[in-house]
């Protein structure tokens, strides 16, 4: 995985976390505004409800995209292992050896 790919992954993860925080805050504001009387507050409630729905849709889309990438990676990994079984065993053994060495320190 390249450095740029890692940065993009971290950026997406940060964006999803920020959207979750914003969604939680918006839901809380909508809940608190439900008890306040007035016309201006009603407009605020409607705007908050719209934002909450938009954020929920965006989070759902981000989650769907992440699941598709995960499935694609799993399929590609399985395909690689089926076509290169000995190389896959060698890579797994090497990673296991390195983890063992690092854990032993």
Protein backbone atom coordinates (compact mmCIF):
# COMPACT_ATOMS: atom_id res chain seq x y z
CA UNK A 1 0.00 0.00 0.00
CA UNK A 2 1.49 3.35 -0.99
CA UNK A 3 1.79 6.35 1.28
CA UNK A 4 -0.85 8.22 -0.73
CA UNK A 5 -3.27 5.31 -0.47
CA UNK A 6 -2.76 5.21 3.29
CA UNK A 7 -3.38 8.94 3.55
CA UNK A 8 -6.57 8.64 1.50
CA UNK A 9 -7.77 5.81 3.72
CA UNK A 10 -7.06 7.82 6.86
CA UNK A 11 -8.79 10.85 5.32
CA UNK A 12 -11.90 8.81 4.57
CA UNK A 13 -11.89 7.33 8.05
CA UNK A 14 -11.57 10.80 9.60
CA UNK A 15 -14.40 12.08 7.41
CA UNK A 16 -16.69 9.23 8.49
CA UNK A 17 -15.85 9.87 12.15
CA UNK A 18 -16.54 13.60 11.72
CA UNK A 19 -19.86 12.83 10.03
CA UNK A 20 -20.83 10.56 12.92
CA UNK A 21 -20.02 13.30 15.45
CA UNK A 22 -21.96 15.85 13.39
CA UNK A 23 -24.90 13.47 13.11
CA UNK A 24 -24.94 12.84 16.86
CA UNK A 25 -24.76 16.57 17.58
CA UNK A 26 -27.50 17.35 15.06
CA UNK A 27 -29.79 14.70 16.52
CA UNK A 28 -29.19 16.10 20.00
CA UNK A 29 -29.93 19.66 18.82
CA UNK A 30 -33.12 18.50 17.11
CA UNK A 31 -34.18 16.71 20.29
CA UNK A 32 -33.53 19.82 22.40
CA UNK A 33 -35.25 22.12 19.89
CA UNK A 34 -38.37 19.94 19.95
CA UNK A 35 -39.26 21.36 23.37
CA UNK A 36 -38.93 25.03 22.38
CA UNK A 37 -41.92 27.03 21.10
CA UNK A 38 -41.79 29.52 18.22
CA UNK A 39 -41.77 29.85 14.44
CA UNK A 40 -38.01 30.33 14.11
CA UNK A 41 -37.39 27.21 16.13
CA UNK A 42 -39.71 25.24 13.85
CA UNK A 43 -37.61 26.26 10.84
CA UNK A 44 -34.47 25.25 12.76
CA UNK A 45 -36.01 21.86 13.57
CA UNK A 46 -36.84 21.29 9.90
CA UNK A 47 -33.33 22.25 8.80
CA UNK A 48 -31.78 20.01 11.45
CA UNK A 49 -34.02 17.12 10.39
CA UNK A 50 -32.94 17.63 6.79
CA UNK A 51 -29.28 17.67 7.82
CA UNK A 52 -29.70 14.52 9.90
CA UNK A 53 -31.29 12.68 6.98
CA UNK A 54 -28.53 13.87 4.63
CA UNK A 55 -25.82 12.78 7.05
CA UNK A 56 -27.44 9.39 7.55
CA UNK A 57 -27.52 8.88 3.79
CA UNK A 58 -23.87 9.99 3.46
CA UNK A 59 -22.78 7.62 6.21
CA UNK A 60 -24.74 4.78 4.61
CA UNK A 61 -23.07 5.48 1.27
CA UNK A 62 -19.62 5.60 2.89
CA UNK A 63 -20.29 2.33 4.68
CA UNK A 64 -21.50 0.67 1.46
CA UNK A 65 -18.39 1.86 -0.39
CA UNK A 66 -16.14 0.53 2.38
CA UNK A 67 -17.89 -2.85 2.27
CA UNK A 68 -17.51 -3.03 -1.51
CA UNK A 69 -13.76 -2.25 -1.24
CA UNK A 70 -13.39 -4.88 1.50
CA UNK A 71 -15.15 -7.51 -0.59
CA UNK A 72 -13.07 -6.62 -3.65
CA UNK A 73 -9.86 -6.90 -1.61
CA UNK A 74 -10.97 -10.25 -0.18
CA UNK A 75 -11.78 -11.60 -3.64
CA UNK A 76 -8.45 -10.38 -5.04
CA UNK A 77 -6.57 -11.88 -2.11
CA UNK A 78 -8.31 -15.22 -2.53
CA UNK A 79 -7.62 -15.18 -6.26
CA UNK A 80 -3.92 -14.42 -5.65
CA UNK A 81 -3.62 -17.23 -3.09
CA UNK A 82 -5.31 -19.71 -5.43
CA UNK A 83 -2.98 -18.79 -8.31
CA UNK A 84 0.19 -18.56 -6.16
CA UNK A 85 -0.24 -20.98 -3.24
CA UNK A 86 3.46 -21.48 -2.46
CA UNK A 87 4.24 -17.80 -2.64
CA UNK A 88 1.30 -17.10 -0.31
CA UNK A 89 2.58 -19.72 2.15
CA UNK A 90 6.05 -18.16 1.98
CA UNK A 91 4.66 -14.67 2.61
CA UNK A 92 2.54 -15.90 5.53
CA UNK A 93 5.52 -17.75 7.04
CA UNK A 94 7.72 -14.66 6.66
CA UNK A 95 5.16 -12.40 8.28
CA UNK A 96 4.68 -14.90 11.10
CA UNK A 97 8.43 -15.12 11.62
CA UNK A 98 8.79 -11.33 11.72
CA UNK A 99 5.90 -10.97 14.16
CA UNK A 100 7.47 -13.67 16.34
CA UNK A 101 10.82 -11.89 16.33
CA UNK A 102 9.21 -8.55 17.15
CA UNK A 103 7.05 -10.04 19.89
CA UNK A 104 10.02 -11.80 21.47
CA UNK A 105 11.86 -8.50 21.95
